[in-house]
Protein backbone atom coordinates (compact mmCIF):
# COMPACT_ATOMS: atom_id res chain seq x y z
CA MET A 1 13.25 84.34 196.83
CA LYS A 2 16.00 81.74 196.73
CA PRO A 3 18.83 82.19 194.25
CA TYR A 4 18.60 79.81 191.28
CA PHE A 5 21.89 78.10 192.05
CA SER A 6 20.87 77.15 195.58
CA SER A 7 18.31 74.75 194.09
CA LEU A 8 21.14 73.05 192.18
CA ARG A 9 23.36 72.68 195.25
CA PRO A 10 22.21 69.11 196.08
CA TYR A 11 23.46 68.03 192.65
CA LEU A 12 26.94 69.52 193.07
CA ALA A 13 28.58 66.41 194.60
CA PRO A 14 27.27 63.89 192.04
CA THR A 15 28.08 66.29 189.18
CA ILE A 16 31.67 66.72 190.39
CA VAL A 17 32.05 62.95 190.84
CA ALA A 18 30.64 62.33 187.35
CA LEU A 19 33.09 64.83 185.87
CA ILE A 20 35.98 63.19 187.73
CA LEU A 21 34.94 59.79 186.35
CA ILE A 22 34.86 61.21 182.80
CA VAL A 23 38.23 62.94 183.13
CA ILE A 24 39.90 59.83 184.58
CA HIS A 25 38.44 57.72 181.78
CA ALA A 26 39.94 60.13 179.25
CA ILE A 27 43.45 59.61 180.71
CA PRO A 28 44.10 55.85 180.46
CA SER A 29 47.75 56.28 181.44
CA ILE A 30 46.69 56.85 185.08
CA HIS A 31 44.38 53.82 185.27
CA PRO A 32 47.14 51.47 186.53
CA ILE A 33 47.98 53.92 189.33
CA LEU A 34 44.37 54.06 190.51
CA SER A 35 43.23 50.46 189.97
CA LEU A 36 43.31 47.87 192.71
CA GLN A 37 46.40 45.72 192.10
CA PRO A 38 47.64 42.63 193.95
CA GLU A 39 50.90 44.29 194.97
CA GLY A 40 49.24 47.48 196.20
CA VAL A 41 46.45 46.34 198.47
CA PHE A 42 48.16 46.99 201.79
CA THR A 43 50.95 49.37 200.81
CA GLN A 44 48.81 51.66 198.65
CA ALA A 45 45.52 51.87 200.50
CA TRP A 46 44.20 54.73 198.35
CA ARG A 47 43.53 52.11 195.67
CA LEU A 48 40.65 50.81 197.81
CA PHE A 49 38.90 54.07 196.92
CA THR A 50 40.36 55.04 193.56
CA THR A 51 39.69 51.72 191.81
CA HIS A 52 36.05 52.84 191.66
CA LEU A 53 37.01 55.83 189.50
CA VAL A 54 38.40 53.68 186.66
CA HIS A 55 36.17 52.02 184.06
CA LEU A 56 36.71 49.22 181.57
CA ASN A 57 35.31 51.05 178.56
CA THR A 58 33.01 53.90 177.58
CA ASN A 59 29.86 51.77 177.95
CA HIS A 60 30.89 50.89 181.50
CA LEU A 61 31.56 54.55 182.29
CA LEU A 62 28.29 55.83 180.78
CA MET A 63 26.24 53.20 182.58
CA ASN A 64 27.78 54.16 185.94
CA VAL A 65 27.56 57.92 185.38
CA LEU A 66 23.90 57.59 184.37
CA ALA A 67 23.21 55.40 187.43
CA LEU A 68 24.90 57.93 189.73
CA ILE A 69 22.88 60.81 188.29
CA LEU A 70 19.59 58.89 188.50
CA VAL A 71 20.25 57.79 192.07
CA ALA A 72 21.22 61.36 193.04
CA ILE A 73 17.99 62.71 191.56
CA ILE A 74 15.70 60.01 192.97
CA PHE A 75 17.15 60.04 196.48
CA ARG A 76 18.01 63.75 196.73
CA PRO A 77 15.55 64.33 199.61
CA VAL A 78 17.28 61.61 201.64
CA VAL A 79 20.96 61.87 200.75
CA HIS A 80 22.82 64.77 199.14
CA GLY A 81 25.81 67.06 199.60
CA ARG A 82 28.39 66.12 202.22
CA LEU A 83 26.26 63.21 203.42
CA LEU A 84 26.26 61.76 199.89
CA VAL A 85 30.05 62.04 199.75
CA ASN A 86 30.36 60.31 203.13
CA VAL A 87 28.02 57.49 202.05
CA MET A 88 30.10 57.10 198.88
CA ALA A 89 33.26 56.76 201.00
CA PHE A 90 31.69 54.04 203.20
CA ALA A 91 30.37 52.21 200.15
CA ALA A 92 33.72 52.49 198.33
CA LEU A 93 35.62 51.01 201.24
CA PHE A 94 33.30 48.03 201.64
CA ALA A 95 32.92 47.55 197.88
CA ALA A 96 36.69 47.03 197.77
CA LEU A 97 37.11 45.07 201.01
CA ILE A 98 34.40 42.44 200.47
CA PRO A 99 35.93 41.17 197.19
CA LEU A 100 39.37 41.19 198.84
CA ILE A 101 38.08 39.06 201.69
CA LEU A 102 35.79 36.69 199.77
CA SER A 103 37.38 36.25 196.35
CA ASP A 104 40.47 34.64 194.86
CA ALA A 105 40.47 37.32 192.13
CA PRO A 106 39.28 40.46 193.92
CA TYR A 107 40.52 43.03 191.44
CA PHE A 108 37.90 45.12 189.68
CA VAL A 109 37.18 48.66 188.53
CA GLY A 110 34.01 50.74 188.32
CA PHE A 111 31.63 52.90 190.30
CA SER A 112 28.66 50.53 190.51
CA GLY A 113 29.47 49.20 193.98
CA ILE A 114 29.25 52.75 195.32
CA THR A 115 25.92 53.30 193.58
CA HIS A 116 24.60 50.14 195.24
CA GLY A 117 25.75 51.60 198.57
CA ILE A 118 23.88 54.87 198.01
CA VAL A 119 20.69 52.95 197.20
CA ALA A 120 21.11 50.75 200.29
CA TYR A 121 21.70 53.78 202.50
CA ALA A 122 18.62 55.56 201.12
CA GLY A 123 16.47 52.44 201.46
CA VAL A 124 17.43 51.82 205.09
CA LEU A 125 17.00 55.48 205.96
CA LEU A 126 13.54 55.54 204.37
CA VAL A 127 12.55 52.44 206.35
CA ARG A 128 13.83 54.05 209.56
CA GLN A 129 11.73 57.11 208.73
CA GLN A 130 8.72 54.77 208.39
CA ASN A 131 8.43 55.52 204.69
CA ARG A 132 6.97 52.44 202.97
CA TRP A 133 8.96 53.17 199.79
CA GLY A 134 12.09 52.16 201.67
CA PHE A 135 10.93 48.54 201.68
CA PHE A 136 10.44 48.64 197.90
CA VAL A 137 13.88 50.18 197.43
CA LEU A 138 15.51 47.50 199.58
CA ALA A 139 13.51 44.68 197.93
CA GLY A 140 14.59 45.94 194.49
CA LEU A 141 18.20 46.15 195.63
CA VAL A 142 18.13 42.63 197.08
CA ALA A 143 16.60 41.33 193.84
CA LYS A 144 19.34 43.06 191.83
CA LEU A 145 22.05 41.57 194.07
CA VAL A 146 20.54 38.08 193.73
CA ILE A 147 20.48 38.45 189.93
CA ASP A 148 24.12 39.59 190.04
CA MET A 149 25.10 36.56 192.12
CA MET A 150 23.19 34.16 189.88
CA SER A 151 25.05 35.51 186.85
CA ALA A 152 28.43 35.39 188.60
CA GLY A 153 31.22 34.39 186.27
CA GLN A 154 29.24 35.14 183.11
CA TYR A 155 30.79 37.52 180.61
CA ASN A 156 28.82 40.72 180.03
CA PRO A 157 29.56 41.99 176.51
CA TYR A 158 28.24 45.49 177.26
CA ILE A 159 30.95 46.20 179.83
CA GLY A 160 33.47 43.75 178.42
CA SER A 161 33.90 41.73 181.61
CA GLU A 162 32.13 39.79 184.32
CA ILE A 163 29.91 41.72 186.71
CA ALA A 164 31.73 42.51 189.96
CA TYR A 165 28.92 41.13 192.10
CA LEU A 166 31.02 41.07 195.28
CA ALA A 167 31.78 44.78 194.83
CA HIS A 168 28.03 45.40 194.48
CA LEU A 169 27.36 43.36 197.61
CA GLY A 170 30.15 45.14 199.50
CA GLY A 171 28.92 48.55 198.41
CA ALA A 172 25.40 47.73 199.57
CA LEU A 173 26.79 46.52 202.91
CA GLY A 174 28.77 49.77 203.21
CA GLY A 175 25.61 51.76 202.56
CA VAL A 176 23.72 49.87 205.26
CA LEU A 177 26.57 50.30 207.75
CA ALA A 178 26.77 54.00 206.94
CA VAL A 179 23.30 54.59 208.42
CA PRO A 180 24.39 54.31 212.06
CA GLY A 181 27.95 55.36 211.24
CA LEU A 182 27.06 58.75 209.80
CA ARG A 183 24.94 60.18 212.54
CA ARG A 184 25.59 63.81 213.26
CA ARG A 185 26.37 63.61 216.97
CA PRO A 186 28.89 61.21 218.57
CA LYS A 187 26.46 60.50 221.44
CA ASP A 188 23.96 59.12 218.88
CA VAL A 189 26.51 56.59 217.66
CA LEU A 190 27.81 55.58 221.09
CA PRO A 191 24.93 55.62 223.58
CA SER A 192 25.80 56.35 227.20
């Protein structure tokens, strides 16, 4: 018989991340240190990752924590534990880089770009495993990204800002690129 806590192990990473998001939100004095700032892009590279841990307000935080938990539950068979953390790192990097490359005002905060990356990773992996649900996941993600882009520049009163659609797009791209990038063996990534 398996110990009770071993069945909870796949939820450890998203639970720790959710708690970190909540703690950081409760300490607004550290938000400027973590947020992506114009003067810190190249000299303080950690901000490419930590800007995702800061949220605009409690609504923004709760929406992203709930999304993280739902995605972790739904896609637990495909991505969990260390793999989930690695996918989050890929998604975080691209969710920060794409706005930096494509936007005049690339500075944002929030975890949603990473969540988009997890969904993209899971969708591509399901398709590669010949699971038809992967196509539905990817179609839903593409539809969500198109809606985000169509509403670009519009103020969202729930989060108190515009939607960071380029961060969502970048996160999704990071999730897709993580599929070949996170193989277990180096020879799988670089064929001979």
